[in-house]
Amino acid sequence: MAQITFKQTTNFTGRNGYMKCSGIDILECTDTIMIAPLTSKGNIGRCDITVPYESIPDLIEQLKAIKAP
């Protein structure tokens, strides 16, 4: 498990509605990784994105292609 803390608070929509997000939690599973938001209190939020291992290089490539304003 790895966690990334953001320098600024963002938001996410989860099971309990719209909440503040302080970062993400990355969990390694058998054949996927699971990315979940961290709440402003540092708890793992009740929503996630599952990414198959074979798609991780594509995800990284697309994230690198995004230019910050």
Protein backbone atom coordinates (compact mmCIF):
# COMPACT_ATOMS: atom_id res chain seq x y z
CA MET A 1 0.00 0.00 0.00
CA ALA A 2 1.18 3.51 -0.85
CA GLN A 3 -0.33 6.90 -0.18
CA ILE A 4 0.16 10.23 -1.90
CA THR A 5 -0.81 13.40 -0.04
CA PHE A 6 -1.81 16.41 -2.15
CA LYS A 7 -0.44 19.91 -1.49
CA GLN A 8 -3.96 21.31 -1.86
CA THR A 9 -7.34 19.88 -0.94
CA THR A 10 -9.48 18.60 -3.82
CA ASN A 11 -12.86 16.82 -3.86
CA PHE A 12 -14.36 13.45 -4.72
CA THR A 13 -17.85 12.02 -4.98
CA GLY A 14 -18.26 8.75 -3.12
CA ARG A 15 -20.89 6.61 -1.47
CA ASN A 16 -21.56 9.29 1.15
CA GLY A 17 -21.73 12.21 -1.28
CA TYR A 18 -19.29 15.02 -2.10
CA MET A 19 -16.26 15.11 0.21
CA LYS A 20 -12.87 16.79 0.61
CA CYS A 21 -9.88 14.83 -0.68
CA SER A 22 -6.39 15.15 0.80
CA GLY A 23 -4.68 12.53 -1.40
CA ILE A 24 -4.94 9.00 -2.75
CA ASP A 25 -4.32 5.50 -1.45
CA ILE A 26 -2.89 2.89 -3.84
CA LEU A 27 -3.45 -0.76 -2.97
CA GLU A 28 -1.82 -3.63 -4.85
CA CYS A 29 -4.20 -6.54 -5.46
CA THR A 30 -3.72 -9.89 -7.25
CA ASP A 31 -4.04 -8.62 -10.84
CA THR A 32 -4.99 -4.97 -10.37
CA ILE A 33 -4.22 -1.87 -8.35
CA MET A 34 -6.97 -0.03 -6.53
CA ILE A 35 -6.85 3.77 -6.27
CA ALA A 36 -9.01 5.33 -3.57
CA PRO A 37 -9.30 8.89 -2.23
CA LEU A 38 -8.11 9.94 1.20
CA THR A 39 -10.55 12.15 3.09
CA SER A 40 -9.54 15.38 4.79
CA LYS A 41 -9.18 13.31 7.99
CA GLY A 42 -6.80 10.87 6.25
CA ASN A 43 -9.32 8.01 6.04
CA ILE A 44 -9.80 5.99 2.86
CA GLY A 45 -12.95 7.21 1.07
CA ARG A 46 -15.76 4.94 0.00
CA CYS A 47 -15.05 4.88 -3.71
CA ASP A 48 -12.24 3.44 -5.82
CA ILE A 49 -10.87 2.89 -9.31
CA THR A 50 -9.47 -0.53 -10.20
CA VAL A 51 -6.73 -0.57 -12.86
CA PRO A 52 -5.41 -3.84 -14.38
CA TYR A 53 -1.62 -4.21 -14.13
CA GLU A 54 -1.28 -4.37 -17.92
CA SER A 55 -2.93 -0.91 -18.21
CA ILE A 56 -0.60 0.84 -15.73
CA PRO A 57 1.95 1.88 -18.42
CA ASP A 58 -0.89 3.44 -20.47
CA LEU A 59 -2.19 5.26 -17.39
CA ILE A 60 1.29 6.62 -16.59
CA GLU A 61 1.79 7.72 -20.21
CA GLN A 62 -1.51 9.61 -20.23
CA LEU A 63 -0.78 11.26 -16.87
CA LYS A 64 2.66 12.37 -18.09
CA ALA A 65 1.04 13.89 -21.20
CA ILE A 66 -1.09 16.24 -19.07
CA LYS A 67 0.46 19.70 -18.90
CA ALA A 68 -0.01 21.76 -15.75
CA PRO A 69 -1.48 25.23 -16.33
